[in-house]
Amino acid sequence: MKASIATATIRRGGKGGRGAGARRKLLSQEVVEKIDYKNPQILRSFVTDRGKMIPRRISGASARQQRVISTAIRRARMLALLPFSVTGD
């Protein structure tokens, strides 16, 4: 009986083979302190190739860190240090 429950969860997808702590971490304390709108090299690691901000569930940032990142990205976009979007061909 227990084996059939375990195989049923695997068939449904479950966690996809990742544990609870298998989240990708992009941030260290040094990087968090350097996040500023005047530093587009660091901000580019939080923006996709298409110009979208990477969500915190993927980047591994806390809520406070994500607010700082998004504010810095918005300011850098307004000053044309980062693009709003990629031009299509």
PDB file of N, CA and C in Angstrom:
ATOM      1  N   MET A   1       0.819  -1.191   0.000  1.00  0.00           N
ATOM      2  CA  MET A   1       0.000   0.000   0.000  1.00  0.00           C
ATOM      3  C   MET A   1       0.864   1.256   0.000  1.00  0.00           C
ATOM      4  N   LYS A   2       1.904   1.296   0.831  1.00  0.00           N
ATOM      5  CA  LYS A   2       2.752   2.485   0.896  1.00  0.00           C
ATOM      6  C   LYS A   2       3.562   2.656  -0.382  1.00  0.00           C
ATOM      7  N   ALA A   3       3.951   1.555  -1.007  1.00  0.00           N
ATOM      8  CA  ALA A   3       4.726   1.658  -2.236  1.00  0.00           C
ATOM      9  C   ALA A   3       3.892   2.274  -3.356  1.00  0.00           C
ATOM     10  N   SER A   4       2.608   1.968  -3.403  1.00  0.00           N
ATOM     11  CA  SER A   4       1.770   2.533  -4.460  1.00  0.00           C
ATOM     12  C   SER A   4       1.565   4.037  -4.253  1.00  0.00           C
ATOM     13  N   ILE A   5       1.524   4.474  -3.004  1.00  0.00           N
ATOM     14  CA  ILE A   5       1.393   5.912  -2.743  1.00  0.00           C
ATOM     15  C   ILE A   5       2.659   6.638  -3.171  1.00  0.00           C
ATOM     16  N   ALA A   6       3.807   6.044  -2.908  1.00  0.00           N
ATOM     17  CA  ALA A   6       5.076   6.664  -3.276  1.00  0.00           C
ATOM     18  C   ALA A   6       5.219   6.748  -4.790  1.00  0.00           C
ATOM     19  N   THR A   7       4.837   5.700  -5.508  1.00  0.00           N
ATOM     20  CA  THR A   7       4.950   5.743  -6.962  1.00  0.00           C
ATOM     21  C   THR A   7       3.933   6.701  -7.562  1.00  0.00           C
ATOM     22  N   ALA A   8       2.780   6.860  -6.915  1.00  0.00           N
ATOM     23  CA  ALA A   8       1.780   7.801  -7.422  1.00  0.00           C
ATOM     24  C   ALA A   8       2.297   9.236  -7.331  1.00  0.00           C
ATOM     25  N   THR A   9       3.001   9.552  -6.254  1.00  0.00           N
ATOM     26  CA  THR A   9       3.548  10.913  -6.134  1.00  0.00           C
ATOM     27  C   THR A   9       4.650  11.144  -7.159  1.00  0.00           C
ATOM     28  N   ILE A  10       5.433  10.141  -7.445  1.00  0.00           N
ATOM     29  CA  ILE A  10       6.497  10.291  -8.435  1.00  0.00           C
ATOM     30  C   ILE A  10       5.883  10.499  -9.816  1.00  0.00           C
ATOM     31  N   ARG A  11       4.807   9.790 -10.120  1.00  0.00           N
ATOM     32  CA  ARG A  11       4.169   9.933 -11.423  1.00  0.00           C
ATOM     33  C   ARG A  11       3.530  11.304 -11.600  1.00  0.00           C
ATOM     34  N   ARG A  12       3.048  11.891 -10.548  1.00  0.00           N
ATOM     35  CA  ARG A  12       2.390  13.190 -10.644  1.00  0.00           C
ATOM     36  C   ARG A  12       3.383  14.325 -10.813  1.00  0.00           C
ATOM     37  N   GLY A  13       4.619  14.078 -10.558  1.00  0.00           N
ATOM     38  CA  GLY A  13       5.608  15.127 -10.729  1.00  0.00           C
ATOM     39  C   GLY A  13       6.354  15.411  -9.444  1.00  0.00           C
ATOM     40  N   GLY A  14       5.645  15.508  -8.345  1.00  0.00           N
ATOM     41  CA  GLY A  14       6.289  15.754  -7.069  1.00  0.00           C
ATOM     42  C   GLY A  14       7.119  17.019  -7.090  1.00  0.00           C
ATOM     43  N   LYS A  15       8.341  16.949  -6.603  1.00  0.00           N
ATOM     44  CA  LYS A  15       9.218  18.116  -6.549  1.00  0.00           C
ATOM     45  C   LYS A  15      10.205  18.143  -7.711  1.00  0.00           C
ATOM     46  N   GLY A  16      10.102  17.210  -8.616  1.00  0.00           N
ATOM     47  CA  GLY A  16      10.978  17.233  -9.772  1.00  0.00           C
ATOM     48  C   GLY A  16      12.411  16.852  -9.468  1.00  0.00           C
ATOM     49  N   GLY A  17      12.646  16.152  -8.383  1.00  0.00           N
ATOM     50  CA  GLY A  17      13.984  15.710  -8.057  1.00  0.00           C
ATOM     51  C   GLY A  17      14.792  16.707  -7.257  1.00  0.00           C
ATOM     52  N   ARG A  18      14.232  17.879  -6.970  1.00  0.00           N
ATOM     53  CA  ARG A  18      14.961  18.859  -6.175  1.00  0.00           C
ATOM     54  C   ARG A  18      14.445  18.830  -4.756  1.00  0.00           C
ATOM     55  N   GLY A  19      15.360  18.917  -3.821  1.00  0.00           N
ATOM     56  CA  GLY A  19      14.977  18.991  -2.426  1.00  0.00           C
ATOM     57  C   GLY A  19      14.526  20.391  -2.063  1.00  0.00           C
ATOM     58  N   ALA A  20      14.175  20.590  -0.820  1.00  0.00           N
ATOM     59  CA  ALA A  20      13.680  21.895  -0.389  1.00  0.00           C
ATOM     60  C   ALA A  20      14.782  22.950  -0.429  1.00  0.00           C
ATOM     61  N   GLY A  21      16.032  22.555  -0.210  1.00  0.00           N
ATOM     62  CA  GLY A  21      17.115  23.528  -0.165  1.00  0.00           C
ATOM     63  C   GLY A  21      17.931  23.602  -1.436  1.00  0.00           C
ATOM     64  N   ALA A  22      17.406  23.110  -2.558  1.00  0.00           N
ATOM     65  CA  ALA A  22      18.172  23.064  -3.796  1.00  0.00           C
ATOM     66  C   ALA A  22      17.987  24.320  -4.641  1.00  0.00           C
ATOM     67  N   ARG A  23      17.627  25.433  -4.049  1.00  0.00           N
ATOM     68  CA  ARG A  23      17.408  26.678  -4.761  1.00  0.00           C
ATOM     69  C   ARG A  23      18.745  27.293  -5.177  1.00  0.00           C
ATOM     70  N   ARG A  24      18.758  27.894  -6.336  1.00  0.00           N
ATOM     71  CA  ARG A  24      19.980  28.504  -6.846  1.00  0.00           C
ATOM     72  C   ARG A  24      20.218  29.835  -6.128  1.00  0.00           C
ATOM     73  N   LYS A  25      21.400  29.997  -5.580  1.00  0.00           N
ATOM     74  CA  LYS A  25      21.729  31.220  -4.863  1.00  0.00           C
ATOM     75  C   LYS A  25      22.661  32.076  -5.716  1.00  0.00           C
ATOM     76  N   LEU A  26      22.207  33.284  -6.029  1.00  0.00           N
ATOM     77  CA  LEU A  26      23.046  34.210  -6.771  1.00  0.00           C
ATOM     78  C   LEU A  26      23.666  35.257  -5.861  1.00  0.00           C
ATOM     79  N   LEU A  27      23.150  35.356  -4.650  1.00  0.00           N
ATOM     80  CA  LEU A  27      23.539  36.467  -3.792  1.00  0.00           C
ATOM     81  C   LEU A  27      24.468  36.034  -2.675  1.00  0.00           C
ATOM     82  N   SER A  28      25.461  36.830  -2.458  1.00  0.00           N
ATOM     83  CA  SER A  28      26.266  36.726  -1.257  1.00  0.00           C
ATOM     84  C   SER A  28      26.197  38.085  -0.580  1.00  0.00           C
ATOM     85  N   GLN A  29      26.686  38.196   0.606  1.00  0.00           N
ATOM     86  CA  GLN A  29      26.587  39.456   1.338  1.00  0.00           C
ATOM     87  C   GLN A  29      27.363  40.572   0.641  1.00  0.00           C
ATOM     88  N   GLU A  30      28.485  40.232   0.002  1.00  0.00           N
ATOM     89  CA  GLU A  30      29.265  41.242  -0.696  1.00  0.00           C
ATOM     90  C   GLU A  30      28.498  41.795  -1.899  1.00  0.00           C
ATOM     91  N   VAL A  31      27.784  40.909  -2.596  1.00  0.00           N
ATOM     92  CA  VAL A  31      27.025  41.334  -3.763  1.00  0.00           C
ATOM     93  C   VAL A  31      25.862  42.221  -3.331  1.00  0.00           C
ATOM     94  N   VAL A  32      25.215  41.877  -2.222  1.00  0.00           N
ATOM     95  CA  VAL A  32      24.080  42.661  -1.736  1.00  0.00           C
ATOM     96  C   VAL A  32      24.524  44.076  -1.387  1.00  0.00           C
ATOM     97  N   GLU A  33      25.687  44.215  -0.813  1.00  0.00           N
ATOM     98  CA  GLU A  33      26.182  45.542  -0.451  1.00  0.00           C
ATOM     99  C   GLU A  33      26.568  46.365  -1.682  1.00  0.00           C
ATOM    100  N   LYS A  34      26.905  45.706  -2.792  1.00  0.00           N
ATOM    101  CA  LYS A  34      27.322  46.415  -3.996  1.00  0.00           C
ATOM    102  C   LYS A  34      26.164  46.731  -4.934  1.00  0.00           C
ATOM    103  N   ILE A  35      24.955  46.265  -4.622  1.00  0.00           N
ATOM    104  CA  ILE A  35      23.826  46.504  -5.512  1.00  0.00           C
ATOM    105  C   ILE A  35      23.492  47.990  -5.488  1.00  0.00           C
ATOM    106  N   ASP A  36      23.637  48.609  -6.665  1.00  0.00           N
ATOM    107  CA  ASP A  36      23.373  50.024  -6.803  1.00  0.00           C
ATOM    108  C   ASP A  36      23.017  50.274  -8.265  1.00  0.00           C
ATOM    109  N   TYR A  37      22.213  51.273  -8.520  1.00  0.00           N
ATOM    110  CA  TYR A  37      21.805  51.545  -9.894  1.00  0.00           C
ATOM    111  C   TYR A  37      22.980  51.988 -10.763  1.00  0.00           C
ATOM    112  N   LYS A  38      24.068  52.440 -10.143  1.00  0.00           N
ATOM    113  CA  LYS A  38      25.231  52.888 -10.903  1.00  0.00           C
ATOM    114  C   LYS A  38      26.168  51.751 -11.283  1.00  0.00           C
ATOM    115  N   ASN A  39      25.815  50.525 -10.917  1.00  0.00           N
ATOM    116  CA  ASN A  39      26.656  49.366 -11.205  1.00  0.00           C
ATOM    117  C   ASN A  39      25.881  48.381 -12.091  1.00  0.00           C
ATOM    118  N   PRO A  40      25.787  48.634 -13.393  1.00  0.00           N
ATOM    119  CA  PRO A  40      24.960  47.771 -14.247  1.00  0.00           C
ATOM    120  C   PRO A  40      25.523  46.362 -14.449  1.00  0.00           C
ATOM    121  N   GLN A  41      26.823  46.156 -14.191  1.00  0.00           N
ATOM    122  CA  GLN A  41      27.383  44.815 -14.375  1.00  0.00           C
ATOM    123  C   GLN A  41      26.747  43.828 -13.397  1.00  0.00           C
ATOM    124  N   ILE A  42      26.555  44.251 -12.160  1.00  0.00           N
ATOM    125  CA  ILE A  42      25.929  43.365 -11.170  1.00  0.00           C
ATOM    126  C   ILE A  42      24.443  43.227 -11.456  1.00  0.00           C
ATOM    127  N   LEU A  43      23.810  44.317 -11.870  1.00  0.00           N
ATOM    128  CA  LEU A  43      22.369  44.268 -12.133  1.00  0.00           C
ATOM    129  C   LEU A  43      22.029  43.384 -13.323  1.00  0.00           C
ATOM    130  N   ARG A  44      22.945  43.232 -14.265  1.00  0.00           N
ATOM    131  CA  ARG A  44      22.680  42.375 -15.425  1.00  0.00           C
ATOM    132  C   ARG A  44      22.497  40.906 -15.034  1.00  0.00           C
ATOM    133  N   SER A  45      23.054  40.511 -13.899  1.00  0.00           N
ATOM    134  CA  SER A  45      22.875  39.123 -13.470  1.00  0.00           C
ATOM    135  C   SER A  45      21.472  38.879 -12.918  1.00  0.00           C
ATOM    136  N   PHE A  46      20.703  39.940 -12.684  1.00  0.00           N
ATOM    137  CA  PHE A  46      19.333  39.805 -12.203  1.00  0.00           C
ATOM    138  C   PHE A  46      18.318  40.155 -13.271  1.00  0.00           C
ATOM    139  N   VAL A  47      18.768  40.260 -14.528  1.00  0.00           N
ATOM    140  CA  VAL A  47      17.893  40.559 -15.651  1.00  0.00           C
ATOM    141  C   VAL A  47      18.121  39.482 -16.706  1.00  0.00           C
ATOM    142  N   THR A  48      17.042  38.986 -17.320  1.00  0.00           N
ATOM    143  CA  THR A  48      17.183  37.961 -18.350  1.00  0.00           C
ATOM    144  C   THR A  48      17.692  38.590 -19.646  1.00  0.00           C
ATOM    145  N   ASP A  49      17.933  37.755 -20.647  1.00  0.00           N
ATOM    146  CA  ASP A  49      18.395  38.234 -21.943  1.00  0.00           C
ATOM    147  C   ASP A  49      17.339  39.094 -22.626  1.00  0.00           C
ATOM    148  N   ARG A  50      16.089  38.860 -22.300  1.00  0.00           N
ATOM    149  CA  ARG A  50      14.994  39.624 -22.896  1.00  0.00           C
ATOM    150  C   ARG A  50      14.685  40.903 -22.136  1.00  0.00           C
ATOM    151  N   GLY A  51      15.356  41.119 -21.005  1.00  0.00           N
ATOM    152  CA  GLY A  51      15.178  42.349 -20.265  1.00  0.00           C
ATOM    153  C   GLY A  51      14.256  42.244 -19.066  1.00  0.00           C
ATOM    154  N   LYS A  52      13.791  41.042 -18.748  1.00  0.00           N
ATOM    155  CA  LYS A  52      12.883  40.864 -17.608  1.00  0.00           C
ATOM    156  C   LYS A  52      13.684  40.656 -16.327  1.00  0.00           C
ATOM    157  N   MET A  53      13.130  41.106 -15.220  1.00  0.00           N
ATOM    158  CA  MET A  53      13.770  40.872 -13.926  1.00  0.00           C
ATOM    159  C   MET A  53      13.593  39.413 -13.521  1.00  0.00           C
ATOM    160  N   ILE A  54      14.639  38.824 -12.960  1.00  0.00           N
ATOM    161  CA  ILE A  54      14.565  37.446 -12.500  1.00  0.00           C
ATOM    162  C   ILE A  54      13.811  37.424 -11.175  1.00  0.00           C
ATOM    163  N   PRO A  55      12.790  36.567 -11.036  1.00  0.00           N
ATOM    164  CA  PRO A  55      12.005  36.540  -9.794  1.00  0.00           C
ATOM    165  C   PRO A  55      12.807  36.000  -8.625  1.00  0.00           C
ATOM    166  N   ARG A  56      12.356  36.309  -7.434  1.00  0.00           N
ATOM    167  CA  ARG A  56      13.132  35.930  -6.250  1.00  0.00           C
ATOM    168  C   ARG A  56      13.105  34.437  -5.989  1.00  0.00           C
ATOM    169  N   ARG A  57      12.099  33.737  -6.479  1.00  0.00           N
ATOM    170  CA  ARG A  57      12.084  32.284  -6.272  1.00  0.00           C
ATOM    171  C   ARG A  57      13.192  31.610  -7.064  1.00  0.00           C
ATOM    172  N   ILE A  58      13.664  32.262  -8.119  1.00  0.00           N
ATOM    173  CA  ILE A  58      14.766  31.715  -8.906  1.00  0.00           C
ATOM    174  C   ILE A  58      16.102  32.265  -8.414  1.00  0.00           C
ATOM    175  N   SER A  59      16.155  33.559  -8.131  1.00  0.00           N
ATOM    176  CA  SER A  59      17.428  34.160  -7.730  1.00  0.00           C
ATOM    177  C   SER A  59      17.817  33.804  -6.304  1.00  0.00           C
ATOM    178  N   GLY A  60      16.849  33.463  -5.458  1.00  0.00           N
ATOM    179  CA  GLY A  60      17.152  33.110  -4.080  1.00  0.00           C
ATOM    180  C   GLY A  60      17.285  34.317  -3.177  1.00  0.00           C
ATOM    181  N   ALA A  61      16.831  35.474  -3.625  1.00  0.00           N
ATOM    182  CA  ALA A  61      16.924  36.682  -2.811  1.00  0.00           C
ATOM    183  C   ALA A  61      15.798  36.715  -1.782  1.00  0.00           C
ATOM    184  N   SER A  62      16.059  37.378  -0.672  1.00  0.00           N
ATOM    185  CA  SER A  62      14.991  37.586   0.306  1.00  0.00           C
ATOM    186  C   SER A  62      14.085  38.695  -0.211  1.00  0.00           C
ATOM    187  N   ALA A  63      12.977  38.930   0.478  1.00  0.00           N
ATOM    188  CA  ALA A  63      12.030  39.954   0.032  1.00  0.00           C
ATOM    189  C   ALA A  63      12.671  41.334   0.071  1.00  0.00           C
ATOM    190  N   ARG A  64      13.414  41.623   1.104  1.00  0.00           N
ATOM    191  CA  ARG A  64      14.077  42.922   1.216  1.00  0.00           C
ATOM    192  C   ARG A  64      15.130  43.093   0.125  1.00  0.00           C
ATOM    193  N   GLN A  65      15.923  42.033  -0.134  1.00  0.00           N
ATOM    194  CA  GLN A  65      16.939  42.096  -1.168  1.00  0.00           C
ATOM    195  C   GLN A  65      16.303  42.286  -2.546  1.00  0.00           C
ATOM    196  N   GLN A  66      15.174  41.609  -2.782  1.00  0.00           N
ATOM    197  CA  GLN A  66      14.502  41.732  -4.074  1.00  0.00           C
ATOM    198  C   GLN A  66      13.963  43.144  -4.285  1.00  0.00           C
ATOM    199  N   ARG A  67      13.484  43.774  -3.225  1.00  0.00           N
ATOM    200  CA  ARG A  67      13.028  45.163  -3.348  1.00  0.00           C
ATOM    201  C   ARG A  67      14.181  46.090  -3.714  1.00  0.00           C
ATOM    202  N   VAL A  68      15.338  45.871  -3.097  1.00  0.00           N
ATOM    203  CA  VAL A  68      16.520  46.694  -3.411  1.00  0.00           C
ATOM    204  C   VAL A  68      16.947  46.464  -4.857  1.00  0.00           C
ATOM    205  N   ILE A  69      16.933  45.215  -5.286  1.00  0.00           N
ATOM    206  CA  ILE A  69      17.337  44.876  -6.657  1.00  0.00           C
ATOM    207  C   ILE A  69      16.386  45.509  -7.662  1.00  0.00           C
ATOM    208  N   SER A  70      15.075  45.368  -7.439  1.00  0.00           N
ATOM    209  CA  SER A  70      14.118  45.891  -8.408  1.00  0.00           C
ATOM    210  C   SER A  70      14.151  47.414  -8.472  1.00  0.00           C
ATOM    211  N   THR A  71      14.347  48.073  -7.336  1.00  0.00           N
ATOM    212  CA  THR A  71      14.463  49.533  -7.342  1.00  0.00           C
ATOM    213  C   THR A  71      15.706  49.968  -8.106  1.00  0.00           C
ATOM    214  N   ALA A  72      16.812  49.273  -7.891  1.00  0.00           N
ATOM    215  CA  ALA A  72      18.053  49.612  -8.592  1.00  0.00           C
ATOM    216  C   ALA A  72      17.912  49.374 -10.095  1.00  0.00           C
ATOM    217  N   ILE A  73      17.235  48.301 -10.493  1.00  0.00           N
ATOM    218  CA  ILE A  73      17.042  48.027 -11.917  1.00  0.00           C
ATOM    219  C   ILE A  73      16.167  49.104 -12.541  1.00  0.00           C
ATOM    220  N   ARG A  74      15.105  49.503 -11.854  1.00  0.00           N
ATOM    221  CA  ARG A  74      14.225  50.549 -12.378  1.00  0.00           C
ATOM    222  C   ARG A  74      14.971  51.876 -12.546  1.00  0.00           C
ATOM    223  N   ARG A  75      15.798  52.224 -11.578  1.00  0.00           N
ATOM    224  CA  ARG A  75      16.557  53.472 -11.673  1.00  0.00           C
ATOM    225  C   ARG A  75      17.576  53.413 -12.806  1.00  0.00           C
ATOM    226  N   ALA A  76      18.229  52.258 -12.955  1.00  0.00           N
ATOM    227  CA  ALA A  76      19.214  52.109 -14.029  1.00  0.00           C
ATOM    228  C   ALA A  76      18.547  52.160 -15.399  1.00  0.00           C
ATOM    229  N   ARG A  77      17.327  51.647 -15.506  1.00  0.00           N
ATOM    230  CA  ARG A  77      16.608  51.730 -16.773  1.00  0.00           C
ATOM    231  C   ARG A  77      16.245  53.173 -17.108  1.00  0.00           C
ATOM    232  N   MET A  78      15.835  53.932 -16.103  1.00  0.00           N
ATOM    233  CA  MET A  78      15.462  55.332 -16.346  1.00  0.00           C
ATOM    234  C   MET A  78      16.662  56.170 -16.784  1.00  0.00           C
ATOM    235  N   LEU A  79      17.851  55.809 -16.340  1.00  0.00           N
ATOM    236  CA  LEU A  79      19.061  56.526 -16.728  1.00  0.00           C
ATOM    237  C   LEU A  79      19.744  55.906 -17.950  1.00  0.00           C
ATOM    238  N   ALA A  80      19.099  54.939 -18.581  1.00  0.00           N
ATOM    239  CA  ALA A  80      19.586  54.261 -19.776  1.00  0.00           C
ATOM    240  C   ALA A  80      20.868  53.477 -19.534  1.00  0.00           C
ATOM    241  N   LEU A  81      21.071  53.007 -18.317  1.00  0.00           N
ATOM    242  CA  LEU A  81      22.208  52.135 -18.047  1.00  0.00           C
ATOM    243  C   LEU A  81      21.857  50.683 -18.348  1.00  0.00           C
ATOM    244  N   LEU A  82      20.558  50.352 -18.258  1.00  0.00           N
ATOM    245  CA  LEU A  82      20.043  49.033 -18.617  1.00  0.00           C
ATOM    246  C   LEU A  82      18.906  49.229 -19.609  1.00  0.00           C
ATOM    247  N   PRO A  83      18.730  48.310 -20.553  1.00  0.00           N
ATOM    248  CA  PRO A  83      17.620  48.453 -21.498  1.00  0.00           C
ATOM    249  C   PRO A  83      16.291  48.018 -20.879  1.00  0.00           C
ATOM    250  N   PHE A  84      15.201  48.651 -21.344  1.00  0.00           N
ATOM    251  CA  PHE A  84      13.877  48.220 -20.916  1.00  0.00           C
ATOM    252  C   PHE A  84      13.543  46.878 -21.555  1.00  0.00           C
ATOM    253  N   SER A  85      13.900  46.723 -22.810  1.00  0.00           N
ATOM    254  CA  SER A  85      13.670  45.464 -23.516  1.00  0.00           C
ATOM    255  C   SER A  85      14.714  45.342 -24.627  1.00  0.00           C
ATOM    256  N   VAL A  86      14.748  44.174 -25.232  1.00  0.00           N
ATOM    257  CA  VAL A  86      15.680  43.927 -26.315  1.00  0.00           C
ATOM    258  C   VAL A  86      14.980  44.268 -27.612  1.00  0.00           C
ATOM    259  N   THR A  87      15.659  44.955 -28.513  1.00  0.00           N
ATOM    260  CA  THR A  87      15.040  45.304 -29.786  1.00  0.00           C
ATOM    261  C   THR A  87      14.888  44.048 -30.640  1.00  0.00           C
ATOM    262  N   GLY A  88      13.730  43.897 -31.206  1.00  0.00           N
ATOM    263  CA  GLY A  88      13.452  42.726 -32.047  1.00  0.00           C
ATOM    264  C   GLY A  88      13.951  42.917 -33.466  1.00  0.00           C
ATOM    265  N   ASP A  89      14.322  41.801 -34.084  1.00  0.00           N
ATOM    266  CA  ASP A  89      14.784  41.867 -35.488  1.00  0.00           C
ATOM    267  C   ASP A  89      13.722  41.350 -36.403  1.00  0.00           C
TER     268      ASP A  89
END
